[in-house]
């Protein structure tokens, strides 16, 4: 799975509810496409090495049905993001 396939999934499968990309070679540029998935409820982004706080914040802001978000093993995630998610 790449950034391009994430974009294609968001464009062609707008009803996706459960998405997992654990350890895939995707970046924040690919993850941002998931903001188009209005029914997204479960998102697994474990061990995505090129993931940043701002991208995750945008996903949380736009995917209002999100009830489960796994960010384990993402070393760039910090307390600021965790605080933001708790308030969202």
PDB file of N, CA and C in Angstrom:
ATOM      1  N   UNK A   1       0.853  -1.174   0.000  1.00  0.00           N
ATOM      2  CA  UNK A   1       0.000   0.000   0.000  1.00  0.00           C
ATOM      3  C   UNK A   1       0.893   1.229   0.000  1.00  0.00           C
ATOM      4  N   UNK A   2       0.590   2.171  -0.865  1.00  0.00           N
ATOM      5  CA  UNK A   2       1.371   3.398  -0.987  1.00  0.00           C
ATOM      6  C   UNK A   2       0.463   4.611  -0.829  1.00  0.00           C
ATOM      7  N   UNK A   3       1.050   5.793  -0.872  1.00  0.00           N
ATOM      8  CA  UNK A   3       0.266   7.031  -0.816  1.00  0.00           C
ATOM      9  C   UNK A   3      -0.737   7.089  -1.962  1.00  0.00           C
ATOM     10  N   UNK A   4      -0.333   6.635  -3.132  1.00  0.00           N
ATOM     11  CA  UNK A   4      -1.224   6.664  -4.295  1.00  0.00           C
ATOM     12  C   UNK A   4      -2.412   5.732  -4.111  1.00  0.00           C
ATOM     13  N   UNK A   5      -2.190   4.574  -3.532  1.00  0.00           N
ATOM     14  CA  UNK A   5      -3.307   3.658  -3.323  1.00  0.00           C
ATOM     15  C   UNK A   5      -4.242   4.159  -2.227  1.00  0.00           C
ATOM     16  N   UNK A   6      -3.708   4.910  -1.267  1.00  0.00           N
ATOM     17  CA  UNK A   6      -4.566   5.517  -0.242  1.00  0.00           C
ATOM     18  C   UNK A   6      -5.469   6.568  -0.880  1.00  0.00           C
ATOM     19  N   UNK A   7      -4.914   7.346  -1.794  1.00  0.00           N
ATOM     20  CA  UNK A   7      -5.715   8.347  -2.502  1.00  0.00           C
ATOM     21  C   UNK A   7      -6.811   7.665  -3.322  1.00  0.00           C
ATOM     22  N   UNK A   8      -6.456   6.597  -4.015  1.00  0.00           N
ATOM     23  CA  UNK A   8      -7.428   5.869  -4.827  1.00  0.00           C
ATOM     24  C   UNK A   8      -8.534   5.259  -3.965  1.00  0.00           C
ATOM     25  N   UNK A   9      -8.173   4.707  -2.825  1.00  0.00           N
ATOM     26  CA  UNK A   9      -9.176   4.129  -1.925  1.00  0.00           C
ATOM     27  C   UNK A   9     -10.140   5.201  -1.434  1.00  0.00           C
ATOM     28  N   UNK A  10      -9.627   6.348  -1.065  1.00  0.00           N
ATOM     29  CA  UNK A  10     -10.486   7.442  -0.586  1.00  0.00           C
ATOM     30  C   UNK A  10     -11.411   7.943  -1.691  1.00  0.00           C
ATOM     31  N   UNK A  11     -10.911   8.000  -2.914  1.00  0.00           N
ATOM     32  CA  UNK A  11     -11.720   8.491  -4.035  1.00  0.00           C
ATOM     33  C   UNK A  11     -12.765   7.484  -4.494  1.00  0.00           C
ATOM     34  N   UNK A  12     -12.400   6.208  -4.520  1.00  0.00           N
ATOM     35  CA  UNK A  12     -13.267   5.196  -5.128  1.00  0.00           C
ATOM     36  C   UNK A  12     -14.052   4.345  -4.125  1.00  0.00           C
ATOM     37  N   UNK A  13     -13.725   4.478  -2.853  1.00  0.00           N
ATOM     38  CA  UNK A  13     -14.422   3.707  -1.810  1.00  0.00           C
ATOM     39  C   UNK A  13     -14.849   4.646  -0.681  1.00  0.00           C
ATOM     40  N   UNK A  14     -15.678   5.631  -0.972  1.00  0.00           N
ATOM     41  CA  UNK A  14     -16.008   6.655   0.023  1.00  0.00           C
ATOM     42  C   UNK A  14     -16.773   6.143   1.239  1.00  0.00           C
ATOM     43  N   UNK A  15     -17.300   4.932   1.175  1.00  0.00           N
ATOM     44  CA  UNK A  15     -18.064   4.391   2.300  1.00  0.00           C
ATOM     45  C   UNK A  15     -17.212   3.545   3.258  1.00  0.00           C
ATOM     46  N   UNK A  16     -15.901   3.501   3.045  1.00  0.00           N
ATOM     47  CA  UNK A  16     -15.038   2.709   3.935  1.00  0.00           C
ATOM     48  C   UNK A  16     -15.235   3.128   5.387  1.00  0.00           C
ATOM     49  N   UNK A  17     -15.295   2.132   6.253  1.00  0.00           N
ATOM     50  CA  UNK A  17     -15.462   2.390   7.681  1.00  0.00           C
ATOM     51  C   UNK A  17     -14.269   1.903   8.490  1.00  0.00           C
ATOM     52  N   UNK A  18     -13.615   0.860   8.043  1.00  0.00           N
ATOM     53  CA  UNK A  18     -12.500   0.258   8.767  1.00  0.00           C
ATOM     54  C   UNK A  18     -11.272   0.252   7.862  1.00  0.00           C
ATOM     55  N   UNK A  19     -10.205   0.898   8.311  1.00  0.00           N
ATOM     56  CA  UNK A  19      -9.002   0.998   7.495  1.00  0.00           C
ATOM     57  C   UNK A  19      -7.786   0.707   8.368  1.00  0.00           C
ATOM     58  N   UNK A  20      -6.885  -0.131   7.850  1.00  0.00           N
ATOM     59  CA  UNK A  20      -5.659  -0.449   8.571  1.00  0.00           C
ATOM     60  C   UNK A  20      -4.463  -0.448   7.639  1.00  0.00           C
ATOM     61  N   UNK A  21      -3.435   0.283   8.016  1.00  0.00           N
ATOM     62  CA  UNK A  21      -2.224   0.375   7.208  1.00  0.00           C
ATOM     63  C   UNK A  21      -0.979   0.106   8.042  1.00  0.00           C
ATOM     64  N   UNK A  22      -1.085  -0.769   9.022  1.00  0.00           N
ATOM     65  CA  UNK A  22       0.036  -1.037   9.920  1.00  0.00           C
ATOM     66  C   UNK A  22       1.300  -1.389   9.152  1.00  0.00           C
ATOM     67  N   UNK A  23       2.345  -0.598   9.385  1.00  0.00           N
ATOM     68  CA  UNK A  23       3.646  -0.884   8.816  1.00  0.00           C
ATOM     69  C   UNK A  23       3.783  -0.684   7.320  1.00  0.00           C
ATOM     70  N   UNK A  24       2.767  -0.158   6.672  1.00  0.00           N
ATOM     71  CA  UNK A  24       2.845   0.063   5.222  1.00  0.00           C
ATOM     72  C   UNK A  24       3.714   1.287   4.927  1.00  0.00           C
ATOM     73  N   UNK A  25       4.330   1.332   3.765  1.00  0.00           N
ATOM     74  CA  UNK A  25       5.202   2.452   3.413  1.00  0.00           C
ATOM     75  C   UNK A  25       4.418   3.683   2.963  1.00  0.00           C
ATOM     76  N   UNK A  26       3.505   4.143   3.791  1.00  0.00           N
ATOM     77  CA  UNK A  26       2.736   5.347   3.481  1.00  0.00           C
ATOM     78  C   UNK A  26       3.273   6.499   4.307  1.00  0.00           C
ATOM     79  N   UNK A  27       2.946   7.705   3.888  1.00  0.00           N
ATOM     80  CA  UNK A  27       3.395   8.899   4.586  1.00  0.00           C
ATOM     81  C   UNK A  27       2.186   9.747   4.956  1.00  0.00           C
ATOM     82  N   UNK A  28       2.445  10.857   5.607  1.00  0.00           N
ATOM     83  CA  UNK A  28       1.366  11.783   5.940  1.00  0.00           C
ATOM     84  C   UNK A  28       0.659  12.271   4.685  1.00  0.00           C
ATOM     85  N   UNK A  29       1.381  12.369   3.583  1.00  0.00           N
ATOM     86  CA  UNK A  29       0.772  12.798   2.318  1.00  0.00           C
ATOM     87  C   UNK A  29      -0.293  11.813   1.848  1.00  0.00           C
ATOM     88  N   UNK A  30      -0.142  10.554   2.154  1.00  0.00           N
ATOM     89  CA  UNK A  30      -1.148   9.561   1.807  1.00  0.00           C
ATOM     90  C   UNK A  30      -2.272   9.508   2.820  1.00  0.00           C
ATOM     91  N   UNK A  31      -1.918   9.582   4.094  1.00  0.00           N
ATOM     92  CA  UNK A  31      -2.913   9.506   5.166  1.00  0.00           C
ATOM     93  C   UNK A  31      -3.916  10.652   5.073  1.00  0.00           C
ATOM     94  N   UNK A  32      -3.480  11.815   4.648  1.00  0.00           N
ATOM     95  CA  UNK A  32      -4.377  12.975   4.582  1.00  0.00           C
ATOM     96  C   UNK A  32      -5.571  12.716   3.660  1.00  0.00           C
ATOM     97  N   UNK A  33      -5.432  11.839   2.697  1.00  0.00           N
ATOM     98  CA  UNK A  33      -6.545  11.521   1.797  1.00  0.00           C
ATOM     99  C   UNK A  33      -7.706  10.864   2.541  1.00  0.00           C
ATOM    100  N   UNK A  34      -7.420  10.266   3.673  1.00  0.00           N
ATOM    101  CA  UNK A  34      -8.471   9.602   4.441  1.00  0.00           C
ATOM    102  C   UNK A  34      -9.494  10.580   5.010  1.00  0.00           C
ATOM    103  N   UNK A  35      -9.179  11.855   5.009  1.00  0.00           N
ATOM    104  CA  UNK A  35     -10.134  12.849   5.518  1.00  0.00           C
ATOM    105  C   UNK A  35     -11.401  12.898   4.665  1.00  0.00           C
ATOM    106  N   UNK A  36     -11.363  12.341   3.489  1.00  0.00           N
ATOM    107  CA  UNK A  36     -12.544  12.299   2.620  1.00  0.00           C
ATOM    108  C   UNK A  36     -13.521  11.190   3.019  1.00  0.00           C
ATOM    109  N   UNK A  37     -13.095  10.303   3.893  1.00  0.00           N
ATOM    110  CA  UNK A  37     -13.933   9.169   4.299  1.00  0.00           C
ATOM    111  C   UNK A  37     -14.823   9.575   5.472  1.00  0.00           C
ATOM    112  N   UNK A  38     -15.998  10.031   5.174  1.00  0.00           N
ATOM    113  CA  UNK A  38     -16.908  10.552   6.192  1.00  0.00           C
ATOM    114  C   UNK A  38     -17.466   9.478   7.123  1.00  0.00           C
ATOM    115  N   UNK A  39     -17.429   8.211   6.722  1.00  0.00           N
ATOM    116  CA  UNK A  39     -17.944   7.121   7.557  1.00  0.00           C
ATOM    117  C   UNK A  39     -16.850   6.347   8.278  1.00  0.00           C
ATOM    118  N   UNK A  40     -15.620   6.826   8.191  1.00  0.00           N
ATOM    119  CA  UNK A  40     -14.500   6.133   8.813  1.00  0.00           C
ATOM    120  C   UNK A  40     -14.697   6.067  10.326  1.00  0.00           C
ATOM    121  N   UNK A  41     -14.679   4.845  10.870  1.00  0.00           N
ATOM    122  CA  UNK A  41     -14.866   4.702  12.311  1.00  0.00           C
ATOM    123  C   UNK A  41     -13.671   4.031  12.999  1.00  0.00           C
ATOM    124  N   UNK A  42     -12.917   3.211  12.272  1.00  0.00           N
ATOM    125  CA  UNK A  42     -11.754   2.531  12.844  1.00  0.00           C
ATOM    126  C   UNK A  42     -10.559   2.750  11.923  1.00  0.00           C
ATOM    127  N   UNK A  43      -9.484   3.274  12.506  1.00  0.00           N
ATOM    128  CA  UNK A  43      -8.283   3.567  11.723  1.00  0.00           C
ATOM    129  C   UNK A  43      -7.058   3.057  12.462  1.00  0.00           C
ATOM    130  N   UNK A  44      -6.298   2.198  11.811  1.00  0.00           N
ATOM    131  CA  UNK A  44      -5.083   1.627  12.378  1.00  0.00           C
ATOM    132  C   UNK A  44      -3.882   2.167  11.609  1.00  0.00           C
ATOM    133  N   UNK A  45      -3.121   3.030  12.259  1.00  0.00           N
ATOM    134  CA  UNK A  45      -1.925   3.627  11.648  1.00  0.00           C
ATOM    135  C   UNK A  45      -0.672   3.244  12.433  1.00  0.00           C
ATOM    136  N   UNK A  46      -0.646   2.032  12.968  1.00  0.00           N
ATOM    137  CA  UNK A  46       0.527   1.591  13.731  1.00  0.00           C
ATOM    138  C   UNK A  46       1.759   1.509  12.837  1.00  0.00           C
ATOM    139  N   UNK A  47       2.853   1.974  13.402  1.00  0.00           N
ATOM    140  CA  UNK A  47       4.181   1.820  12.797  1.00  0.00           C
ATOM    141  C   UNK A  47       4.265   2.433  11.392  1.00  0.00           C
ATOM    142  N   UNK A  48       3.755   3.658  11.268  1.00  0.00           N
ATOM    143  CA  UNK A  48       3.884   4.422  10.025  1.00  0.00           C
ATOM    144  C   UNK A  48       5.005   5.440  10.269  1.00  0.00           C
ATOM    145  N   UNK A  49       6.141   5.222   9.692  1.00  0.00           N
ATOM    146  CA  UNK A  49       7.328   6.007  10.043  1.00  0.00           C
ATOM    147  C   UNK A  49       7.252   7.471   9.614  1.00  0.00           C
ATOM    148  N   UNK A  50       6.498   7.791   8.599  1.00  0.00           N
ATOM    149  CA  UNK A  50       6.433   9.159   8.082  1.00  0.00           C
ATOM    150  C   UNK A  50       5.104   9.824   8.421  1.00  0.00           C
ATOM    151  N   UNK A  51       4.649   9.668   9.646  1.00  0.00           N
ATOM    152  CA  UNK A  51       3.375  10.228  10.081  1.00  0.00           C
ATOM    153  C   UNK A  51       3.637  11.383  11.029  1.00  0.00           C
ATOM    154  N   UNK A  52       2.939  12.520  10.821  1.00  0.00           N
ATOM    155  CA  UNK A  52       3.147  13.661  11.707  1.00  0.00           C
ATOM    156  C   UNK A  52       1.873  14.048  12.448  1.00  0.00           C
ATOM    157  N   UNK A  53       2.033  14.819  13.491  1.00  0.00           N
ATOM    158  CA  UNK A  53       0.923  15.239  14.341  1.00  0.00           C
ATOM    159  C   UNK A  53      -0.150  15.985  13.565  1.00  0.00           C
ATOM    160  N   UNK A  54       0.252  16.900  12.702  1.00  0.00           N
ATOM    161  CA  UNK A  54      -0.705  17.737  11.987  1.00  0.00           C
ATOM    162  C   UNK A  54      -1.639  16.904  11.113  1.00  0.00           C
ATOM    163  N   UNK A  55      -1.114  15.886  10.481  1.00  0.00           N
ATOM    164  CA  UNK A  55      -1.943  15.018   9.640  1.00  0.00           C
ATOM    165  C   UNK A  55      -2.970  14.278  10.482  1.00  0.00           C
ATOM    166  N   UNK A  56      -2.539  13.725  11.595  1.00  0.00           N
ATOM    167  CA  UNK A  56      -3.467  12.999  12.464  1.00  0.00           C
ATOM    168  C   UNK A  56      -4.530  13.953  13.008  1.00  0.00           C
ATOM    169  N   UNK A  57      -4.144  15.165  13.357  1.00  0.00           N
ATOM    170  CA  UNK A  57      -5.115  16.162  13.834  1.00  0.00           C
ATOM    171  C   UNK A  57      -6.177  16.437  12.778  1.00  0.00           C
ATOM    172  N   UNK A  58      -5.752  16.548  11.544  1.00  0.00           N
ATOM    173  CA  UNK A  58      -6.696  16.810  10.453  1.00  0.00           C
ATOM    174  C   UNK A  58      -7.645  15.628  10.250  1.00  0.00           C
ATOM    175  N   UNK A  59      -7.136  14.426  10.358  1.00  0.00           N
ATOM    176  CA  UNK A  59      -7.993  13.238  10.243  1.00  0.00           C
ATOM    177  C   UNK A  59      -9.028  13.237  11.369  1.00  0.00           C
ATOM    178  N   UNK A  60      -8.602  13.531  12.586  1.00  0.00           N
ATOM    179  CA  UNK A  60      -9.523  13.557  13.733  1.00  0.00           C
ATOM    180  C   UNK A  60     -10.574  14.649  13.549  1.00  0.00           C
ATOM    181  N   UNK A  61     -10.158  15.806  13.040  1.00  0.00           N
ATOM    182  CA  UNK A  61     -11.105  16.911  12.806  1.00  0.00           C
ATOM    183  C   UNK A  61     -12.171  16.557  11.777  1.00  0.00           C
ATOM    184  N   UNK A  62     -11.759  15.938  10.689  1.00  0.00           N
ATOM    185  CA  UNK A  62     -12.669  15.722   9.559  1.00  0.00           C
ATOM    186  C   UNK A  62     -13.439  14.414   9.614  1.00  0.00           C
ATOM    187  N   UNK A  63     -12.889  13.405  10.241  1.00  0.00           N
ATOM    188  CA  UNK A  63     -13.562  12.099  10.319  1.00  0.00           C
ATOM    189  C   UNK A  63     -14.312  12.025  11.645  1.00  0.00           C
ATOM    190  N   UNK A  64     -15.456  12.626  11.684  1.00  0.00           N
ATOM    191  CA  UNK A  64     -16.219  12.808  12.920  1.00  0.00           C
ATOM    192  C   UNK A  64     -16.786  11.506  13.483  1.00  0.00           C
ATOM    193  N   UNK A  65     -16.844  10.448  12.701  1.00  0.00           N
ATOM    194  CA  UNK A  65     -17.365   9.168  13.188  1.00  0.00           C
ATOM    195  C   UNK A  65     -16.257   8.257  13.725  1.00  0.00           C
ATOM    196  N   UNK A  66     -15.032   8.750  13.729  1.00  0.00           N
ATOM    197  CA  UNK A  66     -13.894   7.949  14.175  1.00  0.00           C
ATOM    198  C   UNK A  66     -14.049   7.598  15.658  1.00  0.00           C
ATOM    199  N   UNK A  67     -14.060   6.313  15.958  1.00  0.00           N
ATOM    200  CA  UNK A  67     -14.206   5.873  17.350  1.00  0.00           C
ATOM    201  C   UNK A  67     -12.979   5.102  17.843  1.00  0.00           C
ATOM    202  N   UNK A  68     -12.129   4.645  16.920  1.00  0.00           N
ATOM    203  CA  UNK A  68     -10.924   3.907  17.292  1.00  0.00           C
ATOM    204  C   UNK A  68      -9.770   4.357  16.401  1.00  0.00           C
ATOM    205  N   UNK A  69      -8.684   4.777  17.034  1.00  0.00           N
ATOM    206  CA  UNK A  69      -7.497   5.249  16.319  1.00  0.00           C
ATOM    207  C   UNK A  69      -6.270   4.642  16.976  1.00  0.00           C
ATOM    208  N   UNK A  70      -5.541   3.796  16.256  1.00  0.00           N
ATOM    209  CA  UNK A  70      -4.357   3.149  16.797  1.00  0.00           C
ATOM    210  C   UNK A  70      -3.120   3.815  16.212  1.00  0.00           C
ATOM    211  N   UNK A  71      -2.318   4.408  17.085  1.00  0.00           N
ATOM    212  CA  UNK A  71      -1.105   5.114  16.676  1.00  0.00           C
ATOM    213  C   UNK A  71       0.155   4.517  17.304  1.00  0.00           C
ATOM    214  N   UNK A  72       0.079   3.294  17.786  1.00  0.00           N
ATOM    215  CA  UNK A  72       1.225   2.655  18.425  1.00  0.00           C
ATOM    216  C   UNK A  72       2.438   2.632  17.491  1.00  0.00           C
ATOM    217  N   UNK A  73       3.601   2.719  18.083  1.00  0.00           N
ATOM    218  CA  UNK A  73       4.879   2.613  17.382  1.00  0.00           C
ATOM    219  C   UNK A  73       5.119   3.748  16.385  1.00  0.00           C
ATOM    220  N   UNK A  74       4.509   4.886  16.621  1.00  0.00           N
ATOM    221  CA  UNK A  74       4.776   6.090  15.816  1.00  0.00           C
ATOM    222  C   UNK A  74       5.568   7.052  16.693  1.00  0.00           C
ATOM    223  N   UNK A  75       6.849   7.087  16.481  1.00  0.00           N
ATOM    224  CA  UNK A  75       7.746   7.809  17.390  1.00  0.00           C
ATOM    225  C   UNK A  75       7.656   9.317  17.245  1.00  0.00           C
ATOM    226  N   UNK A  76       7.054   9.834  16.190  1.00  0.00           N
ATOM    227  CA  UNK A  76       6.938  11.286  16.037  1.00  0.00           C
ATOM    228  C   UNK A  76       5.681  11.845  16.703  1.00  0.00           C
ATOM    229  N   UNK A  77       4.779  10.987  17.145  1.00  0.00           N
ATOM    230  CA  UNK A  77       3.566  11.433  17.829  1.00  0.00           C
ATOM    231  C   UNK A  77       3.956  11.914  19.214  1.00  0.00           C
ATOM    232  N   UNK A  78       3.418  13.068  19.615  1.00  0.00           N
ATOM    233  CA  UNK A  78       3.803  13.606  20.920  1.00  0.00           C
ATOM    234  C   UNK A  78       2.584  13.936  21.781  1.00  0.00           C
ATOM    235  N   UNK A  79       2.848  14.462  22.970  1.00  0.00           N
ATOM    236  CA  UNK A  79       1.794  14.767  23.932  1.00  0.00           C
ATOM    237  C   UNK A  79       0.802  15.796  23.413  1.00  0.00           C
ATOM    238  N   UNK A  80       1.254  16.713  22.581  1.00  0.00           N
ATOM    239  CA  UNK A  80       0.360  17.728  22.015  1.00  0.00           C
ATOM    240  C   UNK A  80      -0.760  17.064  21.209  1.00  0.00           C
ATOM    241  N   UNK A  81      -0.417  16.052  20.432  1.00  0.00           N
ATOM    242  CA  UNK A  81      -1.417  15.336  19.644  1.00  0.00           C
ATOM    243  C   UNK A  81      -2.367  14.566  20.554  1.00  0.00           C
ATOM    244  N   UNK A  82      -1.829  13.888  21.546  1.00  0.00           N
ATOM    245  CA  UNK A  82      -2.664  13.115  22.467  1.00  0.00           C
ATOM    246  C   UNK A  82      -3.663  14.041  23.160  1.00  0.00           C
ATOM    247  N   UNK A  83      -3.210  15.199  23.582  1.00  0.00           N
ATOM    248  CA  UNK A  83      -4.097  16.187  24.221  1.00  0.00           C
ATOM    249  C   UNK A  83      -5.186  16.627  23.252  1.00  0.00           C
ATOM    250  N   UNK A  84      -4.825  16.894  22.008  1.00  0.00           N
ATOM    251  CA  UNK A  84      -5.789  17.302  20.992  1.00  0.00           C
ATOM    252  C   UNK A  84      -6.857  16.232  20.782  1.00  0.00           C
ATOM    253  N   UNK A  85      -6.434  14.978  20.664  1.00  0.00           N
ATOM    254  CA  UNK A  85      -7.369  13.871  20.433  1.00  0.00           C
ATOM    255  C   UNK A  85      -8.333  13.743  21.624  1.00  0.00           C
ATOM    256  N   UNK A  86      -7.820  13.897  22.825  1.00  0.00           N
ATOM    257  CA  UNK A  86      -8.676  13.776  24.013  1.00  0.00           C
ATOM    258  C   UNK A  86      -9.737  14.870  24.065  1.00  0.00           C
ATOM    259  N   UNK A  87      -9.448  16.033  23.530  1.00  0.00           N
ATOM    260  CA  UNK A  87     -10.396  17.140  23.545  1.00  0.00           C
ATOM    261  C   UNK A  87     -11.377  17.089  22.380  1.00  0.00           C
ATOM    262  N   UNK A  88     -11.018  16.354  21.328  1.00  0.00           N
ATOM    263  CA  UNK A  88     -11.859  16.324  20.115  1.00  0.00           C
ATOM    264  C   UNK A  88     -13.159  15.586  20.324  1.00  0.00           C
TER     265      UNK A  88
END
